[in-house]
């Protein structure tokens, strides 16, 4: 049962305490969103870097980038972000997460991805 007096006393702290158990999943969501927003730029740079190679090499390199590069980057960044968010005070945790997701949304809008 939810303690209503606790929620009304400090809803920010209550929201942060509710988020704490799922910080690893929130971190993966943040890093995945960032990779989705910047993936086109990364792919464009990668395309320029490997355009002089043979078709088979380019396909293999792209598969490696997508399958392992993005996956490893996502997990590594999510782990670091999770460790930082775990140490964040309850008064700041939920506002930080809200600002980060809003910022990612604004970046996506700026890049015409929404």
N, C-alpha and C. Protein backbone atom coordinates (compact mmCIF):
# COMPACT_ATOMS: atom_id res chain seq x y z
N UNK A 1 0.84 -1.17 0.00
CA UNK A 1 0.00 0.00 0.00
C UNK A 1 0.89 1.24 0.00
N UNK A 2 0.47 2.25 -0.73
CA UNK A 2 1.24 3.48 -0.84
C UNK A 2 0.90 4.40 0.32
N UNK A 3 1.94 4.91 0.96
CA UNK A 3 1.76 5.86 2.06
C UNK A 3 1.57 7.25 1.47
N UNK A 4 0.33 7.73 1.46
CA UNK A 4 -0.02 8.99 0.83
C UNK A 4 0.67 10.16 1.53
N UNK A 5 0.85 10.10 2.83
CA UNK A 5 1.49 11.21 3.53
C UNK A 5 2.95 11.34 3.10
N UNK A 6 3.59 10.20 2.79
CA UNK A 6 4.98 10.24 2.33
C UNK A 6 5.07 10.90 0.95
N UNK A 7 4.11 10.58 0.08
CA UNK A 7 4.10 11.16 -1.27
C UNK A 7 3.88 12.66 -1.21
N UNK A 8 2.92 13.09 -0.42
CA UNK A 8 2.62 14.52 -0.35
C UNK A 8 3.69 15.28 0.40
N UNK A 9 4.42 14.61 1.28
CA UNK A 9 5.49 15.30 2.04
C UNK A 9 6.61 15.72 1.10
N UNK A 10 7.05 14.84 0.22
CA UNK A 10 8.08 15.18 -0.75
C UNK A 10 7.94 14.27 -1.97
N UNK A 11 7.17 14.70 -2.95
CA UNK A 11 6.92 13.85 -4.13
C UNK A 11 8.18 13.59 -4.96
N UNK A 12 9.15 14.50 -4.92
CA UNK A 12 10.39 14.29 -5.68
C UNK A 12 11.17 13.12 -5.10
N UNK A 13 11.28 13.10 -3.77
CA UNK A 13 11.99 12.00 -3.10
C UNK A 13 11.25 10.69 -3.33
N UNK A 14 9.91 10.73 -3.26
CA UNK A 14 9.13 9.52 -3.49
C UNK A 14 9.35 9.00 -4.91
N UNK A 15 9.36 9.91 -5.90
CA UNK A 15 9.59 9.50 -7.29
C UNK A 15 10.98 8.90 -7.46
N UNK A 16 11.97 9.52 -6.84
CA UNK A 16 13.34 9.01 -6.93
C UNK A 16 13.46 7.63 -6.30
N UNK A 17 12.83 7.44 -5.16
CA UNK A 17 12.87 6.13 -4.50
C UNK A 17 12.13 5.08 -5.31
N UNK A 18 11.13 5.49 -6.05
CA UNK A 18 10.41 4.56 -6.92
C UNK A 18 11.25 4.18 -8.14
N UNK A 19 12.11 5.08 -8.58
CA UNK A 19 12.96 4.84 -9.75
C UNK A 19 14.17 3.99 -9.41
N UNK A 20 14.65 4.09 -8.17
CA UNK A 20 15.89 3.41 -7.77
C UNK A 20 16.00 1.94 -8.17
N UNK A 21 14.95 1.14 -7.99
CA UNK A 21 15.09 -0.29 -8.34
C UNK A 21 15.31 -0.55 -9.83
N UNK A 22 14.95 0.41 -10.67
CA UNK A 22 15.07 0.20 -12.12
C UNK A 22 16.13 1.10 -12.75
N UNK A 23 17.07 1.59 -11.96
CA UNK A 23 18.14 2.44 -12.50
C UNK A 23 18.91 1.76 -13.64
N UNK A 24 19.25 0.47 -13.55
CA UNK A 24 19.95 -0.15 -14.69
C UNK A 24 19.14 -0.08 -15.99
N UNK A 25 17.85 -0.30 -15.90
CA UNK A 25 17.00 -0.24 -17.09
C UNK A 25 16.86 1.20 -17.60
N UNK A 26 16.78 2.15 -16.70
CA UNK A 26 16.71 3.56 -17.08
C UNK A 26 18.01 3.95 -17.78
N UNK A 27 19.13 3.48 -17.28
CA UNK A 27 20.43 3.79 -17.90
C UNK A 27 20.52 3.23 -19.30
N UNK A 28 20.04 2.02 -19.49
CA UNK A 28 20.03 1.42 -20.84
C UNK A 28 19.10 2.21 -21.76
N UNK A 29 17.96 2.64 -21.24
CA UNK A 29 17.04 3.44 -22.05
C UNK A 29 17.68 4.76 -22.47
N UNK A 30 18.41 5.38 -21.57
CA UNK A 30 19.07 6.65 -21.89
C UNK A 30 20.15 6.44 -22.95
N UNK A 31 21.02 5.46 -22.75
CA UNK A 31 22.10 5.24 -23.70
C UNK A 31 21.56 4.76 -25.05
N UNK A 32 20.51 3.95 -25.04
CA UNK A 32 19.90 3.50 -26.31
C UNK A 32 19.30 4.68 -27.05
N UNK A 33 18.66 5.56 -26.32
CA UNK A 33 18.07 6.76 -26.94
C UNK A 33 19.16 7.64 -27.55
N UNK A 34 20.26 7.81 -26.83
CA UNK A 34 21.37 8.60 -27.37
C UNK A 34 21.95 7.97 -28.63
N UNK A 35 22.09 6.64 -28.62
CA UNK A 35 22.60 5.96 -29.80
C UNK A 35 21.62 6.08 -30.96
N UNK A 36 20.33 6.08 -30.68
CA UNK A 36 19.35 6.25 -31.75
C UNK A 36 19.44 7.65 -32.35
N UNK A 37 19.65 8.65 -31.49
CA UNK A 37 19.74 10.03 -31.97
C UNK A 37 21.03 10.25 -32.76
N UNK A 38 22.13 9.72 -32.28
CA UNK A 38 23.43 9.96 -32.92
C UNK A 38 23.87 8.83 -33.85
N UNK A 39 23.06 7.79 -33.97
CA UNK A 39 23.43 6.64 -34.82
C UNK A 39 23.64 7.01 -36.27
N UNK A 40 22.81 7.92 -36.78
CA UNK A 40 22.98 8.34 -38.17
C UNK A 40 24.32 9.01 -38.41
N UNK A 41 24.72 9.86 -37.47
CA UNK A 41 26.02 10.53 -37.60
C UNK A 41 27.17 9.53 -37.48
N UNK A 42 27.04 8.59 -36.57
CA UNK A 42 28.07 7.56 -36.40
C UNK A 42 28.16 6.72 -37.67
N UNK A 43 27.01 6.32 -38.20
CA UNK A 43 27.00 5.52 -39.43
C UNK A 43 27.59 6.30 -40.60
N UNK A 44 27.29 7.60 -40.68
CA UNK A 44 27.85 8.42 -41.75
C UNK A 44 29.36 8.51 -41.68
N UNK A 45 29.88 8.73 -40.48
CA UNK A 45 31.33 8.77 -40.30
C UNK A 45 31.95 7.42 -40.67
N UNK A 46 31.29 6.34 -40.21
CA UNK A 46 31.79 5.00 -40.46
C UNK A 46 31.78 4.70 -41.96
N UNK A 47 30.73 5.14 -42.64
CA UNK A 47 30.63 4.93 -44.09
C UNK A 47 31.79 5.61 -44.82
N UNK A 48 32.10 6.83 -44.41
CA UNK A 48 33.23 7.53 -45.01
C UNK A 48 34.56 6.82 -44.74
N UNK A 49 34.67 6.27 -43.54
CA UNK A 49 35.93 5.62 -43.15
C UNK A 49 36.18 4.32 -43.92
N UNK A 50 35.11 3.62 -44.34
CA UNK A 50 35.31 2.31 -44.98
C UNK A 50 34.90 2.27 -46.44
N UNK A 51 34.60 3.43 -47.04
CA UNK A 51 34.07 3.44 -48.41
C UNK A 51 35.06 2.92 -49.45
N UNK A 52 36.34 2.95 -49.18
CA UNK A 52 37.32 2.51 -50.17
C UNK A 52 37.57 0.99 -50.13
N UNK A 53 36.98 0.30 -49.18
CA UNK A 53 37.19 -1.14 -49.06
C UNK A 53 36.22 -1.92 -49.95
N UNK A 54 36.53 -3.18 -50.14
CA UNK A 54 35.69 -4.07 -50.92
C UNK A 54 34.32 -4.23 -50.27
N UNK A 55 33.32 -4.53 -51.10
CA UNK A 55 31.94 -4.67 -50.64
C UNK A 55 31.81 -5.63 -49.46
N UNK A 56 32.45 -6.78 -49.54
CA UNK A 56 32.32 -7.78 -48.47
C UNK A 56 32.91 -7.26 -47.16
N UNK A 57 34.02 -6.56 -47.25
CA UNK A 57 34.65 -5.98 -46.06
C UNK A 57 33.73 -4.92 -45.45
N UNK A 58 33.11 -4.08 -46.31
CA UNK A 58 32.20 -3.04 -45.82
C UNK A 58 30.99 -3.65 -45.12
N UNK A 59 30.42 -4.69 -45.70
CA UNK A 59 29.26 -5.34 -45.08
C UNK A 59 29.66 -5.96 -43.75
N UNK A 60 30.78 -6.66 -43.72
CA UNK A 60 31.24 -7.28 -42.48
C UNK A 60 31.52 -6.22 -41.41
N UNK A 61 32.17 -5.14 -41.80
CA UNK A 61 32.48 -4.07 -40.85
C UNK A 61 31.21 -3.44 -40.32
N UNK A 62 30.22 -3.22 -41.17
CA UNK A 62 28.96 -2.63 -40.72
C UNK A 62 28.24 -3.56 -39.74
N UNK A 63 28.22 -4.85 -40.06
CA UNK A 63 27.59 -5.82 -39.16
C UNK A 63 28.30 -5.84 -37.81
N UNK A 64 29.62 -5.77 -37.83
CA UNK A 64 30.38 -5.74 -36.58
C UNK A 64 30.09 -4.46 -35.80
N UNK A 65 30.00 -3.33 -36.49
CA UNK A 65 29.69 -2.07 -35.83
C UNK A 65 28.32 -2.15 -35.16
N UNK A 66 27.33 -2.60 -35.89
CA UNK A 66 25.97 -2.62 -35.36
C UNK A 66 25.81 -3.69 -34.29
N UNK A 67 26.26 -4.90 -34.58
CA UNK A 67 26.04 -6.01 -33.65
C UNK A 67 26.88 -5.91 -32.39
N UNK A 68 28.14 -5.59 -32.55
CA UNK A 68 29.02 -5.60 -31.40
C UNK A 68 29.41 -4.21 -30.92
N UNK A 69 29.67 -3.31 -31.84
CA UNK A 69 30.09 -1.96 -31.46
C UNK A 69 29.02 -1.21 -30.69
N UNK A 70 27.83 -1.13 -31.29
CA UNK A 70 26.74 -0.43 -30.62
C UNK A 70 26.31 -1.16 -29.34
N UNK A 71 26.30 -2.47 -29.39
CA UNK A 71 25.91 -3.24 -28.20
C UNK A 71 26.89 -3.05 -27.05
N UNK A 72 28.18 -3.14 -27.36
CA UNK A 72 29.20 -2.96 -26.32
C UNK A 72 29.20 -1.53 -25.80
N UNK A 73 29.07 -0.57 -26.71
CA UNK A 73 29.02 0.83 -26.30
C UNK A 73 27.81 1.10 -25.41
N UNK A 74 26.67 0.54 -25.80
CA UNK A 74 25.45 0.71 -25.02
C UNK A 74 25.61 0.14 -23.62
N UNK A 75 26.12 -1.06 -23.52
CA UNK A 75 26.28 -1.68 -22.21
C UNK A 75 27.32 -0.97 -21.35
N UNK A 76 28.43 -0.57 -21.95
CA UNK A 76 29.48 0.11 -21.19
C UNK A 76 29.00 1.46 -20.68
N UNK A 77 28.39 2.25 -21.56
CA UNK A 77 27.87 3.56 -21.14
C UNK A 77 26.75 3.42 -20.13
N UNK A 78 25.88 2.43 -20.33
CA UNK A 78 24.78 2.22 -19.39
C UNK A 78 25.31 1.84 -18.01
N UNK A 79 26.35 1.04 -17.97
CA UNK A 79 26.93 0.65 -16.69
C UNK A 79 27.52 1.87 -15.97
N UNK A 80 28.27 2.68 -16.69
CA UNK A 80 28.84 3.90 -16.09
C UNK A 80 27.74 4.85 -15.62
N UNK A 81 26.74 5.05 -16.45
CA UNK A 81 25.64 5.93 -16.09
C UNK A 81 24.88 5.39 -14.88
N UNK A 82 24.67 4.10 -14.85
CA UNK A 82 23.99 3.47 -13.72
C UNK A 82 24.76 3.69 -12.42
N UNK A 83 26.08 3.55 -12.47
CA UNK A 83 26.90 3.77 -11.28
C UNK A 83 26.81 5.22 -10.81
N UNK A 84 26.74 6.15 -11.75
CA UNK A 84 26.61 7.56 -11.37
C UNK A 84 25.23 7.85 -10.78
N UNK A 85 24.19 7.28 -11.39
CA UNK A 85 22.83 7.55 -10.91
C UNK A 85 22.57 6.91 -9.54
N UNK A 86 23.19 5.77 -9.28
CA UNK A 86 23.01 5.11 -7.99
C UNK A 86 23.51 5.99 -6.85
N UNK A 87 24.58 6.74 -7.10
CA UNK A 87 25.15 7.58 -6.04
C UNK A 87 24.46 8.94 -5.91
N UNK A 88 23.51 9.21 -6.81
CA UNK A 88 22.81 10.50 -6.79
C UNK A 88 21.81 10.55 -5.64
N UNK A 89 21.73 11.68 -4.98
CA UNK A 89 20.79 11.88 -3.87
C UNK A 89 19.35 11.81 -4.37
N UNK A 90 18.44 11.34 -3.50
CA UNK A 90 17.04 11.20 -3.87
C UNK A 90 16.39 12.51 -4.29
N UNK A 91 16.86 13.60 -3.76
CA UNK A 91 16.28 14.89 -4.12
C UNK A 91 16.60 15.28 -5.57
N UNK A 92 17.68 14.72 -6.12
CA UNK A 92 18.12 15.08 -7.46
C UNK A 92 17.88 14.00 -8.51
N UNK A 93 17.69 12.76 -8.12
CA UNK A 93 17.63 11.65 -9.08
C UNK A 93 16.51 11.81 -10.10
N UNK A 94 15.28 11.95 -9.66
CA UNK A 94 14.18 12.03 -10.62
C UNK A 94 14.24 13.30 -11.46
N UNK A 95 14.60 14.47 -10.91
CA UNK A 95 14.73 15.63 -11.80
C UNK A 95 15.83 15.46 -12.85
N UNK A 96 16.94 14.83 -12.48
CA UNK A 96 18.02 14.61 -13.44
C UNK A 96 17.55 13.72 -14.58
N UNK A 97 16.86 12.63 -14.24
CA UNK A 97 16.37 11.71 -15.26
C UNK A 97 15.36 12.41 -16.17
N UNK A 98 14.49 13.20 -15.58
CA UNK A 98 13.52 13.95 -16.37
C UNK A 98 14.21 14.92 -17.33
N UNK A 99 15.21 15.64 -16.84
CA UNK A 99 15.94 16.59 -17.68
C UNK A 99 16.72 15.87 -18.79
N UNK A 100 17.32 14.74 -18.47
CA UNK A 100 18.09 13.99 -19.47
C UNK A 100 17.18 13.51 -20.60
N UNK A 101 16.04 12.90 -20.25
CA UNK A 101 15.13 12.42 -21.30
C UNK A 101 14.55 13.59 -22.10
N UNK A 102 14.27 14.69 -21.44
CA UNK A 102 13.78 15.88 -22.15
C UNK A 102 14.85 16.40 -23.10
N UNK A 103 16.09 16.43 -22.64
CA UNK A 103 17.21 16.86 -23.49
C UNK A 103 17.39 15.96 -24.69
N UNK A 104 17.26 14.66 -24.50
CA UNK A 104 17.38 13.73 -25.62
C UNK A 104 16.23 13.97 -26.61
N UNK A 105 15.05 14.21 -26.10
CA UNK A 105 13.92 14.52 -26.98
C UNK A 105 14.14 15.80 -27.76
N UNK A 106 14.69 16.81 -27.11
CA UNK A 106 14.99 18.07 -27.80
C UNK A 106 16.07 17.87 -28.87
N UNK A 107 17.08 17.06 -28.56
CA UNK A 107 18.11 16.74 -29.56
C UNK A 107 17.50 16.03 -30.77
N UNK A 108 16.62 15.09 -30.50
CA UNK A 108 15.96 14.37 -31.59
C UNK A 108 15.12 15.31 -32.43
N UNK A 109 14.42 16.22 -31.79
CA UNK A 109 13.61 17.21 -32.51
C UNK A 109 14.51 18.13 -33.34
N UNK A 110 15.61 18.54 -32.78
CA UNK A 110 16.54 19.43 -33.49
C UNK A 110 17.12 18.75 -34.73
N UNK A 111 17.32 17.45 -34.64
CA UNK A 111 17.88 16.71 -35.77
C UNK A 111 16.79 16.15 -36.68
N UNK A 112 15.57 16.60 -36.47
CA UNK A 112 14.42 16.20 -37.30
C UNK A 112 14.16 14.70 -37.27
N UNK A 113 14.35 14.08 -36.12
CA UNK A 113 14.10 12.65 -35.99
C UNK A 113 12.73 12.36 -35.39
N UNK A 114 12.04 13.41 -34.99
CA UNK A 114 10.68 13.23 -34.45
C UNK A 114 9.70 13.81 -35.44
